N, C-alpha and C. Protein backbone atom coordinates (compact mmCIF):
# COMPACT_ATOMS: atom_id res chain seq x y z
N MET A 1 119.34 63.59 132.43
CA MET A 1 118.18 64.40 132.93
C MET A 1 118.99 65.83 133.18
N ILE A 2 118.27 66.90 132.92
CA ILE A 2 118.87 68.19 133.24
C ILE A 2 118.08 69.30 133.96
N THR A 3 118.37 69.72 135.04
CA THR A 3 117.68 70.66 136.11
C THR A 3 117.89 71.93 135.55
N LEU A 4 117.43 73.07 135.58
CA LEU A 4 117.76 74.72 135.23
C LEU A 4 116.92 75.53 135.87
N ARG A 5 117.40 76.54 136.14
CA ARG A 5 116.48 77.64 137.02
C ARG A 5 116.23 78.63 135.66
N LEU A 6 115.32 79.18 135.56
CA LEU A 6 114.68 80.14 134.81
C LEU A 6 114.00 81.24 135.43
N ASP A 7 114.39 82.35 134.60
CA ASP A 7 113.68 83.66 135.54
C ASP A 7 112.43 83.71 135.07
N PRO A 8 111.36 84.17 135.80
CA PRO A 8 110.14 84.15 135.64
C PRO A 8 109.45 84.45 134.15
N LYS A 9 110.02 85.54 133.60
CA LYS A 9 109.63 86.12 132.13
C LYS A 9 109.82 84.94 131.25
N LEU A 10 111.20 84.23 131.37
CA LEU A 10 111.38 82.91 130.42
C LEU A 10 110.45 81.93 130.41
N GLU A 11 110.32 81.69 131.82
CA GLU A 11 109.53 80.56 131.81
C GLU A 11 107.95 80.82 131.69
N GLN A 12 107.39 81.65 131.62
CA GLN A 12 106.09 82.33 131.74
C GLN A 12 106.05 81.94 129.49
N ALA A 13 107.19 82.69 129.31
CA ALA A 13 107.05 82.78 127.77
C ALA A 13 107.28 81.06 127.18
N ILE A 14 108.12 80.16 127.74
CA ILE A 14 108.04 78.60 127.31
C ILE A 14 106.63 78.16 127.73
N ASN A 15 106.05 78.57 128.99
CA ASN A 15 104.59 78.47 129.10
C ASN A 15 103.73 78.69 128.21
N ASN A 16 103.59 79.76 127.60
CA ASN A 16 102.83 80.26 126.71
C ASN A 16 103.02 79.73 125.09
N THR A 17 103.99 79.81 124.92
CA THR A 17 104.52 79.32 123.52
C THR A 17 104.40 77.65 123.41
N SER A 18 104.50 76.95 124.37
CA SER A 18 104.23 75.85 124.34
C SER A 18 102.81 75.37 124.18
N LYS A 19 101.90 76.09 125.00
CA LYS A 19 100.61 75.98 124.74
C LYS A 19 100.34 76.35 123.35
N ASN A 20 100.51 77.39 123.03
CA ASN A 20 100.08 77.87 121.57
C ASN A 20 100.52 76.97 120.42
N LEU A 21 101.71 76.03 120.80
CA LEU A 21 102.16 75.16 119.52
C LEU A 21 101.65 73.96 119.88
N GLY A 22 101.05 73.57 121.17
CA GLY A 22 100.53 72.27 121.39
C GLY A 22 101.74 71.26 121.86
N LEU A 23 102.57 71.95 122.43
CA LEU A 23 103.39 70.66 122.93
C LEU A 23 103.73 70.96 123.82
N SER A 24 104.58 70.05 124.55
CA SER A 24 104.77 69.77 126.23
C SER A 24 106.07 70.82 125.92
N LYS A 25 106.60 71.20 127.22
CA LYS A 25 107.56 72.48 127.76
C LYS A 25 108.71 71.59 126.96
N SER A 26 109.10 70.26 127.85
CA SER A 26 109.98 69.55 127.42
C SER A 26 110.14 69.51 125.77
N GLU A 27 109.45 69.24 125.40
CA GLU A 27 109.43 69.08 123.83
C GLU A 27 109.48 70.33 123.15
N LEU A 28 109.33 71.46 123.51
CA LEU A 28 109.45 72.57 122.88
C LEU A 28 111.01 73.06 123.37
N ILE A 29 111.38 72.61 124.59
CA ILE A 29 112.88 72.77 125.25
C ILE A 29 113.65 72.22 124.25
N ARG A 30 113.49 70.82 124.27
CA ARG A 30 114.13 70.08 123.31
C ARG A 30 114.71 70.52 121.96
N LYS A 31 113.35 70.78 121.20
CA LYS A 31 113.34 71.33 119.83
C LYS A 31 114.22 72.72 119.93
N SER A 32 114.00 73.23 120.69
CA SER A 32 114.70 74.57 120.73
C SER A 32 116.35 74.74 121.02
N ILE A 33 116.79 73.61 121.70
CA ILE A 33 118.23 73.36 121.83
C ILE A 33 118.50 72.63 120.67
N ASN A 34 117.82 71.52 120.09
CA ASN A 34 118.43 71.12 119.20
C ASN A 34 118.84 72.09 117.47
N GLU A 35 117.74 72.74 117.60
CA GLU A 35 117.72 74.00 116.46
C GLU A 35 118.86 74.74 116.72
N TYR A 36 119.39 75.45 118.15
CA TYR A 36 120.31 75.95 118.38
C TYR A 36 121.90 75.61 118.21
N ILE A 37 121.84 74.31 118.58
CA ILE A 37 122.97 73.56 118.52
C ILE A 37 123.35 73.40 116.52
N SER A 38 122.13 73.24 115.97
CA SER A 38 122.20 73.04 114.47
C SER A 38 122.99 74.16 113.82
N LYS A 39 122.59 75.34 114.29
CA LYS A 39 122.80 76.84 113.75
C LYS A 39 124.39 77.10 114.16
N LEU A 40 124.56 76.15 115.13
CA LEU A 40 126.15 76.54 115.80
C LEU A 40 127.16 75.88 114.44
N ASP A 41 126.61 74.88 114.12
CA ASP A 41 127.49 73.93 112.82
C ASP A 41 127.58 74.73 111.61
N LYS A 42 126.77 75.55 111.74
CA LYS A 42 126.58 75.87 109.98
C LYS A 42 127.79 77.52 110.07
N PRO A 43 128.42 77.67 109.18
CA PRO A 43 128.87 79.03 109.11
C PRO A 43 127.89 80.22 108.75
N ASN A 44 128.20 81.04 109.32
CA ASN A 44 127.34 82.31 108.73
C ASN A 44 128.11 82.57 107.30
N ALA A 45 127.40 83.95 107.37
CA ALA A 45 127.56 84.53 105.96
C ALA A 45 129.12 85.35 106.24
N TRP A 46 129.60 85.50 107.04
CA TRP A 46 130.75 86.66 107.20
C TRP A 46 131.86 85.25 106.74
N GLU A 47 131.54 84.10 107.72
CA GLU A 47 132.34 83.24 107.58
C GLU A 47 132.68 82.34 106.09
N ILE A 48 131.61 82.15 105.45
CA ILE A 48 131.59 81.59 103.91
C ILE A 48 132.24 82.79 103.04
N GLY A 49 132.10 83.99 103.07
CA GLY A 49 132.65 85.07 102.32
C GLY A 49 133.74 85.84 102.67
N LYS A 50 134.54 85.69 104.18
CA LYS A 50 135.31 86.38 104.39
C LYS A 50 136.71 86.79 103.46
N ASP A 51 136.86 85.95 102.67
CA ASP A 51 137.93 85.73 101.98
C ASP A 51 137.66 87.02 100.86
N LEU A 52 136.40 87.20 100.40
CA LEU A 52 135.77 88.11 99.53
C LEU A 52 135.77 89.34 99.68
N PHE A 53 135.11 89.58 101.12
CA PHE A 53 134.40 91.04 101.54
C PHE A 53 135.71 92.09 101.40
N GLY A 54 135.06 93.24 100.70
CA GLY A 54 136.03 94.29 100.93
C GLY A 54 137.40 94.47 100.33
N LYS A 55 137.39 93.63 99.22
CA LYS A 55 138.99 93.60 98.53
C LYS A 55 138.93 94.06 97.07
N PHE A 56 137.65 94.50 96.62
CA PHE A 56 137.52 94.45 94.91
C PHE A 56 137.96 95.85 94.74
N SER A 57 137.42 96.96 94.60
CA SER A 57 137.74 97.98 94.03
C SER A 57 138.91 98.65 94.45
N SER A 58 139.07 98.51 95.61
CA SER A 58 140.20 99.41 96.64
C SER A 58 141.21 98.37 96.53
N GLY A 59 141.44 97.28 96.07
CA GLY A 59 142.65 96.38 96.56
C GLY A 59 142.78 95.94 97.84
N SER A 60 142.20 96.68 99.12
CA SER A 60 142.50 96.39 100.53
C SER A 60 141.75 95.46 100.80
N ASP A 61 142.60 94.37 101.69
CA ASP A 61 141.44 93.13 102.01
C ASP A 61 141.22 93.26 103.38
N ASN A 62 141.04 94.58 103.82
CA ASN A 62 140.72 94.88 105.47
C ASN A 62 139.62 95.87 105.48
N LEU A 63 138.87 95.78 104.59
CA LEU A 63 137.96 97.00 104.83
C LEU A 63 136.83 96.67 105.34
N SER A 64 136.51 95.62 105.33
CA SER A 64 135.31 94.69 106.07
C SER A 64 135.24 94.91 107.60
N SER A 65 136.77 94.31 108.01
CA SER A 65 136.92 94.14 109.58
C SER A 65 137.69 95.01 110.11
N ASP A 66 138.10 96.66 109.26
CA ASP A 66 138.91 97.41 110.12
C ASP A 66 137.94 98.77 109.78
N ARG A 67 136.85 98.35 109.29
CA ARG A 67 136.21 99.78 108.58
C ARG A 67 136.11 100.63 109.54
N LYS A 68 135.84 100.62 110.51
CA LYS A 68 135.61 101.80 112.07
C LYS A 68 136.93 102.52 111.91
N GLU A 69 138.15 101.79 112.06
CA GLU A 69 139.26 102.37 112.08
C GLU A 69 139.81 103.47 110.83
N LEU A 70 139.38 102.44 109.78
CA LEU A 70 139.54 103.40 108.61
C LEU A 70 138.79 104.58 108.08
N ILE A 71 137.39 104.51 108.67
CA ILE A 71 136.44 105.57 108.65
C ILE A 71 136.99 106.80 109.56
N LYS A 72 137.48 106.43 110.73
CA LYS A 72 138.04 107.74 111.75
C LYS A 72 139.21 108.10 111.26
N LYS A 73 140.39 107.27 110.20
CA LYS A 73 141.57 107.80 109.58
C LYS A 73 141.15 108.87 108.41
N ARG A 74 139.65 108.59 107.83
CA ARG A 74 139.20 109.34 106.73
C ARG A 74 139.12 110.51 107.29
N ILE A 75 138.11 110.62 108.45
CA ILE A 75 137.44 111.80 108.94
C ILE A 75 138.38 112.62 109.25
N LYS A 76 139.61 112.27 110.15
CA LYS A 76 140.49 112.76 110.63
C LYS A 76 141.46 113.35 109.73
N ALA A 77 141.49 112.94 108.34
CA ALA A 77 142.51 113.71 107.41
C ALA A 77 141.82 114.65 106.66
N LYS A 78 140.15 114.83 106.54
CA LYS A 78 139.32 115.89 105.99
C LYS A 78 139.66 116.97 107.21
N ARG A 79 139.69 116.58 108.34
CA ARG A 79 139.67 117.84 109.18
C ARG A 79 140.85 118.48 109.32
N ASN A 80 142.15 117.79 108.69
CA ASN A 80 143.24 118.68 109.06
C ASN A 80 143.69 119.23 107.50
């Protein structure tokens, strides 16, 4: 058994959603937690392709992860 406190807006959203779906609040919360946990177990798109992103025509393998720093350097170089 778990007891938790919710802010009033979230509690109202749960009440409304459970009524709209014809589920008990407990069932809605159980399904929501199961869905959240199942998504944690799956790799996201970045994790799946991180060894491929940003390294083709340039030959650099840090274009995706260091994009902000690289853009700053290019802008700074153009200004000088």
